[in-house]
């Protein structure tokens, strides 16, 4: 039987202890303040080597919980200078707050099922439950691929599949809610007559319908990215399912939806300051909160600010633009996604038909 050398421990002049492992062709060492800590670490690493696993440095070996894996993922992204998106970061931090202390070794199929059921009982929708399970799987995969931490992805996937069969994970319901002009006028009047309303919500809503921009896109466009002569503006890092960052798009500002985007931008010049280069220097959260609060006060049911993007896209089609032209404005890379926005009104069909020549029999 081959002789297996045991770990050695060296008492350093500083009083610390260095554990040195030479085992089965592997060499690894770490320094600890206490000899007992060095011994425990060495025992764990020797056991890992005997099982054929890769020995781990201390900063990896002490990662035992889901929260540790989440922190490791966020830190690695920062070190690589890859920005973590707002939605992803909020979800990861929420997971760390709620179940972060759970040892990652205990996150198995049943844990994922129980997690999804608990979220559903608390009112979380199928899309959000699926998103959370996806983020858990992501940090597990990252820990395994980047740091060789022994995480298991198959139980998470089995749990996700079970939740899907239970109806607790699913796709979002496509909304077709469009505001009526009467609802819009009521909203405009409420905002304009509210002395406590600081953000120009009427102008922002009209701009959203004029451009089909999302609320965070409205809040990020800048004066330096505006080309008045070409009637275009650049949206930086526009949302994309494949890769958001670096996805800058030059978007035409067209006046065919009932609200002139460039005219609304010019109205913003009166409040322009040198301190903020943004055309609409507000926050997406403030806009969403003001819209939701006012719509509820007016008893306008089931209307969200994001529905203005739907309304804008529908109006672009009703104005007669082609699919590829609408996609250039809305930023859709997959044109199939635009089909859900083509809830064109019957009156618009009559208007478009009036511009077409009358059919004649080619044999006449």
Protein backbone atom coordinates (compact mmCIF):
# COMPACT_ATOMS: atom_id res chain seq x y z
CA UNK A 1 0.00 0.00 0.00
CA UNK A 2 1.38 3.43 -0.97
CA UNK A 3 2.31 5.70 1.90
CA UNK A 4 0.18 8.84 2.17
CA UNK A 5 1.93 11.74 3.82
CA UNK A 6 -0.02 13.59 6.49
CA UNK A 7 -0.28 17.38 6.73
CA UNK A 8 2.47 19.24 8.54
CA UNK A 9 2.01 22.30 10.69
CA UNK A 10 4.61 25.04 11.11
CA UNK A 11 4.51 27.55 13.95
CA UNK A 12 5.51 30.87 12.38
CA UNK A 13 7.44 33.64 14.22
CA UNK A 14 4.24 35.70 14.24
CA UNK A 15 2.53 33.01 16.31
CA UNK A 16 0.32 31.88 13.43
CA UNK A 17 0.22 28.33 12.11
CA UNK A 18 0.79 27.26 8.53
CA UNK A 19 -0.77 24.01 7.38
CA UNK A 20 1.08 22.30 4.53
CA UNK A 21 -0.45 19.44 2.56
CA UNK A 22 1.52 17.21 0.17
CA UNK A 23 -0.78 14.41 -0.83
CA UNK A 24 -1.19 12.36 -4.02
CA UNK A 25 0.82 14.82 -6.05
CA UNK A 26 -1.10 17.83 -4.74
CA UNK A 27 0.42 20.70 -2.78
CA UNK A 28 -1.52 23.37 -0.93
CA UNK A 29 -0.88 25.51 2.15
CA UNK A 30 -2.77 28.03 4.24
CA UNK A 31 -2.00 30.15 7.31
CA UNK A 32 -4.22 30.38 10.40
CA UNK A 33 -4.07 32.15 13.73
CA UNK A 34 -4.91 28.97 15.68
CA UNK A 35 -3.43 25.50 15.23
CA UNK A 36 -6.85 23.91 15.66
CA UNK A 37 -8.22 25.93 12.72
CA UNK A 38 -5.25 24.80 10.64
CA UNK A 39 -5.85 21.17 11.61
CA UNK A 40 -9.57 21.28 10.71
CA UNK A 41 -8.84 22.86 7.36
CA UNK A 42 -6.08 20.34 6.59
CA UNK A 43 -8.33 17.39 7.48
CA UNK A 44 -11.08 18.64 5.18
CA UNK A 45 -8.65 19.20 2.31
CA UNK A 46 -7.04 15.78 2.71
CA UNK A 47 -10.48 14.20 2.61
CA UNK A 48 -11.29 16.15 -0.57
CA UNK A 49 -8.04 15.04 -2.24
CA UNK A 50 -8.71 11.39 -1.33
CA UNK A 51 -12.13 11.68 -3.00
CA UNK A 52 -10.52 13.07 -6.15
CA UNK A 53 -11.77 16.63 -5.58
CA UNK A 54 -9.67 19.75 -5.96
CA UNK A 55 -8.41 21.23 -2.67
CA UNK A 56 -9.68 24.71 -1.99
CA UNK A 57 -8.19 27.84 -0.55
CA UNK A 58 -9.64 29.12 2.70
CA UNK A 59 -11.72 31.88 1.14
CA UNK A 60 -13.49 29.24 -0.94
CA UNK A 61 -13.54 26.43 1.60
CA UNK A 62 -15.49 28.57 4.07
CA UNK A 63 -18.26 29.29 1.57
CA UNK A 64 -21.04 27.14 2.98
CA UNK A 65 -24.31 29.04 2.49
CA UNK A 66 -26.37 30.37 -0.40
CA UNK A 67 -25.59 33.88 0.84
CA UNK A 68 -21.87 33.15 0.50
CA UNK A 69 -22.37 32.03 -3.10
CA UNK A 70 -24.43 35.14 -3.89
CA UNK A 71 -21.74 37.42 -2.45
CA UNK A 72 -19.07 35.51 -4.37
CA UNK A 73 -20.97 35.94 -7.64
CA UNK A 74 -21.57 39.67 -7.11
CA UNK A 75 -17.92 40.24 -6.16
CA UNK A 76 -16.64 38.28 -9.16
CA UNK A 77 -18.83 40.36 -11.48
CA UNK A 78 -17.45 43.54 -9.92
CA UNK A 79 -13.85 42.29 -10.26
CA UNK A 80 -14.51 41.52 -13.92
CA UNK A 81 -16.07 44.98 -14.33
CA UNK A 82 -19.33 43.44 -15.49
CA UNK A 83 -22.24 45.46 -14.21
CA UNK A 84 -25.05 43.56 -12.49
CA UNK A 85 -28.42 44.80 -13.70
CA UNK A 86 -30.86 46.39 -11.27
CA UNK A 87 -33.46 43.63 -11.49
CA UNK A 88 -30.89 40.88 -11.05
CA UNK A 89 -29.17 42.64 -8.15
CA UNK A 90 -32.45 43.27 -6.32
CA UNK A 91 -33.43 39.60 -6.74
CA UNK A 92 -30.06 38.35 -5.47
CA UNK A 93 -30.14 40.65 -2.46
CA UNK A 94 -33.70 39.54 -1.69
CA UNK A 95 -32.62 35.90 -1.80
CA UNK A 96 -29.69 36.66 0.49
CA UNK A 97 -31.99 38.39 3.00
CA UNK A 98 -34.64 35.67 3.03
CA UNK A 99 -32.86 32.33 2.53
CA UNK A 100 -29.21 33.35 2.41
CA UNK A 101 -28.30 31.49 5.61
CA UNK A 102 -29.37 28.15 4.13
CA UNK A 103 -26.36 25.83 3.56
CA UNK A 104 -26.09 25.37 -0.17
CA UNK A 105 -25.68 21.61 0.33
CA UNK A 106 -29.26 21.51 1.66
CA UNK A 107 -30.76 23.23 -1.38
CA UNK A 108 -32.18 20.21 -3.17
CA UNK A 109 -35.28 19.42 -5.22
CA UNK A 110 -37.61 19.48 -2.18
CA UNK A 111 -36.14 22.77 -0.94
CA UNK A 112 -36.85 24.41 -4.32
CA UNK A 113 -40.42 23.06 -4.33
CA UNK A 114 -41.04 24.29 -0.77
CA UNK A 115 -39.47 27.65 -1.65
CA UNK A 116 -41.75 28.07 -4.67
CA UNK A 117 -44.87 27.07 -2.74
CA UNK A 118 -44.05 29.50 0.07
CA UNK A 119 -43.53 32.34 -2.41
CA UNK A 120 -46.80 31.52 -4.18
CA UNK A 121 -48.71 31.51 -0.87
CA UNK A 122 -47.25 34.94 -0.19
CA UNK A 123 -48.68 36.27 -3.45
CA UNK A 124 -45.62 35.97 -5.71
CA UNK A 125 -46.60 35.28 -9.32
CA UNK A 126 -45.36 32.40 -11.51
CA UNK A 127 -42.96 34.60 -13.47
CA UNK A 128 -41.27 35.96 -10.36
CA UNK A 129 -41.02 32.52 -8.73
CA UNK A 130 -39.33 31.26 -11.89
CA UNK A 131 -36.98 34.22 -11.86
CA UNK A 132 -35.88 33.51 -8.27
CA UNK A 133 -35.24 29.84 -8.99
CA UNK A 134 -33.26 30.90 -12.06
CA UNK A 135 -31.04 33.18 -9.99
CA UNK A 136 -30.37 30.38 -7.47
CA UNK A 137 -29.35 28.11 -10.32
CA UNK A 138 -27.16 30.87 -11.75
CA UNK A 139 -25.09 31.39 -8.58
CA UNK A 140 -24.76 27.61 -8.18
CA UNK A 141 -23.46 27.29 -11.75
CA UNK A 142 -21.09 30.22 -11.23
CA UNK A 143 -19.67 28.74 -8.03
CA UNK A 144 -19.10 25.39 -9.73
CA UNK A 145 -17.61 26.73 -12.97
CA UNK A 146 -15.42 29.51 -11.57
CA UNK A 147 -14.43 28.20 -8.14
CA UNK A 148 -14.96 24.42 -8.39
CA UNK A 149 -17.36 24.52 -5.46
CA UNK A 150 -19.28 21.25 -5.34
CA UNK A 151 -22.77 22.53 -6.10
CA UNK A 152 -25.47 20.37 -7.68
CA UNK A 153 -27.58 21.86 -10.49
CA UNK A 154 -29.72 18.84 -11.27
CA UNK A 155 -31.83 19.02 -8.06
CA UNK A 156 -32.58 22.70 -8.74
CA UNK A 157 -33.68 21.90 -12.28
CA UNK A 158 -35.87 19.04 -11.03
CA UNK A 159 -37.44 21.38 -8.47
CA UNK A 160 -38.05 23.99 -11.17
CA UNK A 161 -39.70 21.38 -13.39
CA UNK A 162 -41.92 20.27 -10.50
CA UNK A 163 -43.01 23.85 -9.83
CA UNK A 164 -43.80 24.26 -13.51
CA UNK A 165 -46.03 21.18 -13.43
CA UNK A 166 -47.72 22.55 -10.31
CA UNK A 167 -48.44 25.80 -12.14
CA UNK A 168 -46.28 27.83 -9.77
CA UNK A 169 -43.77 28.72 -12.50
CA UNK A 170 -44.92 29.98 -15.86
CA UNK A 171 -44.73 32.67 -18.49
CA UNK A 172 -46.18 36.11 -17.99
CA UNK A 173 -49.66 36.77 -19.26
CA UNK A 174 -49.59 38.98 -22.32
CA UNK A 175 -51.34 42.24 -21.55
CA UNK A 176 -53.51 43.95 -24.12
CA UNK A 177 -54.70 46.79 -21.89
CA UNK A 178 -54.77 50.11 -23.71
CA UNK A 179 -55.87 53.36 -22.12
CA UNK A 180 -58.82 55.15 -23.60
CA UNK A 181 -58.38 58.79 -24.53
CA UNK A 182 -60.87 59.67 -21.80
CA UNK A 183 -58.70 57.88 -19.23
CA UNK A 184 -55.63 59.71 -20.47
CA UNK A 185 -57.35 63.08 -20.23
CA UNK A 186 -58.43 62.32 -16.66
CA UNK A 187 -54.86 61.40 -15.74
CA UNK A 188 -53.49 64.56 -17.37
CA UNK A 189 -55.98 66.74 -15.53
CA UNK A 190 -55.21 65.08 -12.20
CA UNK A 191 -51.48 65.57 -12.58
CA UNK A 192 -51.73 69.14 -13.90
CA UNK A 193 -54.03 70.19 -11.05
CA UNK A 194 -51.93 68.58 -8.32
CA UNK A 195 -49.74 71.28 -6.71
CA UNK A 196 -47.67 68.59 -4.95
CA UNK A 197 -46.76 66.84 -8.19
CA UNK A 198 -43.20 67.92 -9.02
CA UNK A 199 -42.45 65.63 -11.95
CA UNK A 200 -44.20 66.71 -15.20
CA UNK A 201 -46.18 63.48 -15.40
CA UNK A 202 -48.45 64.60 -18.23
CA UNK A 203 -45.44 65.36 -20.41
CA UNK A 204 -43.76 62.08 -19.42
CA UNK A 205 -46.84 60.00 -20.24
CA UNK A 206 -47.25 61.76 -23.59
CA UNK A 207 -43.55 61.20 -24.33
CA UNK A 208 -43.94 57.50 -23.51
CA UNK A 209 -46.82 57.22 -26.00
CA UNK A 210 -44.86 59.28 -28.53
CA UNK A 211 -41.73 57.11 -28.37
CA UNK A 212 -42.69 53.64 -26.97
CA UNK A 213 -39.83 54.01 -24.49
CA UNK A 214 -39.79 52.23 -21.15
CA UNK A 215 -39.83 54.41 -18.04
CA UNK A 216 -36.17 53.75 -17.21
CA UNK A 217 -35.20 54.59 -20.81
CA UNK A 218 -37.08 57.88 -20.58
CA UNK A 219 -35.14 58.71 -17.41
CA UNK A 220 -31.74 57.95 -18.93
CA UNK A 221 -31.69 59.73 -22.31
CA UNK A 222 -29.42 62.78 -22.30
CA UNK A 223 -29.18 66.11 -24.04
CA UNK A 224 -25.80 65.15 -25.50
CA UNK A 225 -27.39 62.10 -27.17
CA UNK A 226 -30.12 64.18 -28.78
CA UNK A 227 -29.80 65.13 -32.46
CA UNK A 228 -32.47 67.75 -33.10
CA UNK A 229 -31.71 68.09 -36.81
CA UNK A 230 -31.96 64.32 -37.44
CA UNK A 231 -34.83 64.00 -34.91
CA UNK A 232 -33.13 61.09 -33.14
CA UNK A 233 -31.89 60.23 -29.67
CA UNK A 234 -29.52 57.49 -28.50
CA UNK A 235 -30.75 55.05 -25.85
CA UNK A 236 -27.71 53.62 -24.06
CA UNK A 237 -27.59 49.96 -23.00
CA UNK A 238 -31.11 49.32 -24.22
CA UNK A 239 -32.81 46.28 -22.77
CA UNK A 240 -32.14 43.13 -24.74
CA UNK A 241 -32.82 39.49 -23.76
CA UNK A 242 -29.37 38.46 -24.98
CA UNK A 243 -27.03 41.25 -23.89
CA UNK A 244 -28.17 44.61 -22.59
CA UNK A 245 -24.78 46.24 -22.03
CA UNK A 246 -23.26 47.99 -25.01
CA UNK A 247 -26.59 47.78 -26.84
CA UNK A 248 -26.81 51.48 -27.77
CA UNK A 249 -29.58 52.35 -30.23
CA UNK A 250 -30.27 55.51 -32.19
CA UNK A 251 -34.04 55.92 -32.16
CA UNK A 252 -36.08 58.15 -34.50
CA UNK A 253 -38.47 60.60 -32.84
CA UNK A 254 -41.55 60.45 -35.03
CA UNK A 255 -44.67 62.58 -34.67
CA UNK A 256 -47.40 60.12 -35.66
CA UNK A 257 -48.90 58.88 -32.38
CA UNK A 258 -50.71 62.05 -31.37
CA UNK A 259 -47.83 63.38 -29.24
CA UNK A 260 -44.71 64.96 -30.75
CA UNK A 261 -41.64 63.64 -28.88
CA UNK A 262 -39.32 66.41 -30.04
CA UNK A 263 -41.84 69.07 -29.01
CA UNK A 264 -42.10 67.50 -25.56
CA UNK A 265 -38.31 67.47 -25.29
CA UNK A 266 -38.16 71.14 -26.21
CA UNK A 267 -40.62 71.84 -23.40
CA UNK A 268 -38.10 70.28 -21.02
CA UNK A 269 -35.46 72.88 -21.89
CA UNK A 270 -37.13 75.35 -19.57
CA UNK A 271 -36.15 73.24 -16.56
CA UNK A 272 -32.75 72.08 -17.85
CA UNK A 273 -29.90 72.37 -15.36
CA UNK A 274 -26.16 71.93 -15.73
CA UNK A 275 -26.14 69.54 -12.78
CA UNK A 276 -27.93 66.76 -14.68
CA UNK A 277 -27.44 66.00 -18.37
CA UNK A 278 -30.62 63.91 -18.57
CA UNK A 279 -33.57 65.26 -20.52
CA UNK A 280 -36.00 63.84 -17.96
CA UNK A 281 -33.98 64.00 -14.69
CA UNK A 282 -36.32 61.84 -12.62
CA UNK A 283 -36.38 58.25 -11.35
CA UNK A 284 -38.33 55.39 -12.87
CA UNK A 285 -39.61 54.41 -9.42
CA UNK A 286 -41.03 57.89 -8.79
CA UNK A 287 -42.78 57.91 -12.16
CA UNK A 288 -44.26 54.45 -11.62
CA UNK A 289 -45.41 55.31 -8.09
CA UNK A 290 -47.05 58.57 -9.16
CA UNK A 291 -48.84 56.88 -12.05
CA UNK A 292 -50.10 53.96 -9.95
CA UNK A 293 -51.23 56.21 -7.11
CA UNK A 294 -53.13 58.60 -9.36
CA UNK A 295 -54.74 55.85 -11.45
CA UNK A 296 -56.00 54.22 -8.26
CA UNK A 297 -57.34 57.52 -6.99
CA UNK A 298 -59.24 58.04 -10.26
CA UNK A 299 -60.50 54.42 -10.10
CA UNK A 300 -58.86 53.58 -13.42
CA UNK A 301 -58.48 49.84 -13.05
CA UNK A 302 -55.69 47.60 -14.30
CA UNK A 303 -53.63 50.30 -15.98
CA UNK A 304 -49.84 50.43 -15.57
CA UNK A 305 -47.30 52.93 -16.83
CA UNK A 306 -45.76 50.19 -18.99
CA UNK A 307 -49.09 50.00 -20.85
CA UNK A 308 -48.11 53.34 -22.42
CA UNK A 309 -45.42 51.44 -24.35
CA UNK A 310 -48.08 49.02 -25.55
CA UNK A 311 -50.32 51.93 -26.54
CA UNK A 312 -47.46 53.63 -28.39
CA UNK A 313 -46.53 50.50 -30.33
CA UNK A 314 -50.14 49.89 -31.31
CA UNK A 315 -50.48 53.50 -32.50
CA UNK A 316 -47.34 53.13 -34.63
CA UNK A 317 -48.90 50.16 -36.41
CA UNK A 318 -52.21 51.98 -36.74
CA UNK A 319 -50.39 54.92 -38.33
CA UNK A 320 -49.24 52.56 -41.09
CA UNK A 321 -45.62 51.82 -40.20
CA UNK A 322 -44.21 48.48 -41.27
CA UNK A 323 -43.00 45.85 -38.82
CA UNK A 324 -39.31 46.62 -39.31
CA UNK A 325 -39.96 50.35 -38.89
CA UNK A 326 -41.81 49.84 -35.63
CA UNK A 327 -39.03 47.52 -34.41
CA UNK A 328 -36.49 50.28 -35.02
CA UNK A 329 -38.43 52.58 -32.70
CA UNK A 330 -39.35 50.05 -30.00
CA UNK A 331 -36.01 48.23 -29.99
CA UNK A 332 -37.44 44.75 -30.51
CA UNK A 333 -34.79 42.42 -31.96
CA UNK A 334 -37.24 39.55 -32.34
CA UNK A 335 -40.04 40.76 -34.59
CA UNK A 336 -42.28 37.94 -33.35
CA UNK A 337 -42.52 39.82 -30.04
CA UNK A 338 -44.26 42.68 -31.83
CA UNK A 339 -47.28 40.57 -32.73
CA UNK A 340 -48.67 41.01 -29.22
CA UNK A 341 -48.72 44.78 -29.75
CA UNK A 342 -50.74 44.75 -32.95
CA UNK A 343 -54.18 45.11 -31.35
CA UNK A 344 -55.17 47.52 -34.08
CA UNK A 345 -58.55 49.18 -33.80
CA UNK A 346 -61.14 48.54 -36.50
CA UNK A 347 -61.33 52.25 -37.31
CA UNK A 348 -57.62 52.23 -38.12
CA UNK A 349 -58.20 49.48 -40.70
CA UNK A 350 -60.81 51.65 -42.43
CA UNK A 351 -58.42 54.60 -42.43
CA UNK A 352 -55.62 52.52 -43.92
CA UNK A 353 -57.95 50.96 -46.51
CA UNK A 354 -59.06 54.40 -47.65
CA UNK A 355 -55.51 55.11 -48.79
CA UNK A 356 -55.30 51.98 -50.94
CA UNK A 357 -56.46 51.77 -54.56
CA UNK A 358 -59.74 49.99 -55.26
CA UNK A 359 -59.34 46.40 -56.41
CA UNK A 360 -59.98 45.75 -60.06
CA UNK A 361 -60.21 42.47 -61.95
CA UNK A 362 -56.87 41.99 -63.76
CA UNK A 363 -58.72 40.28 -66.65
CA UNK A 364 -60.85 43.35 -67.38
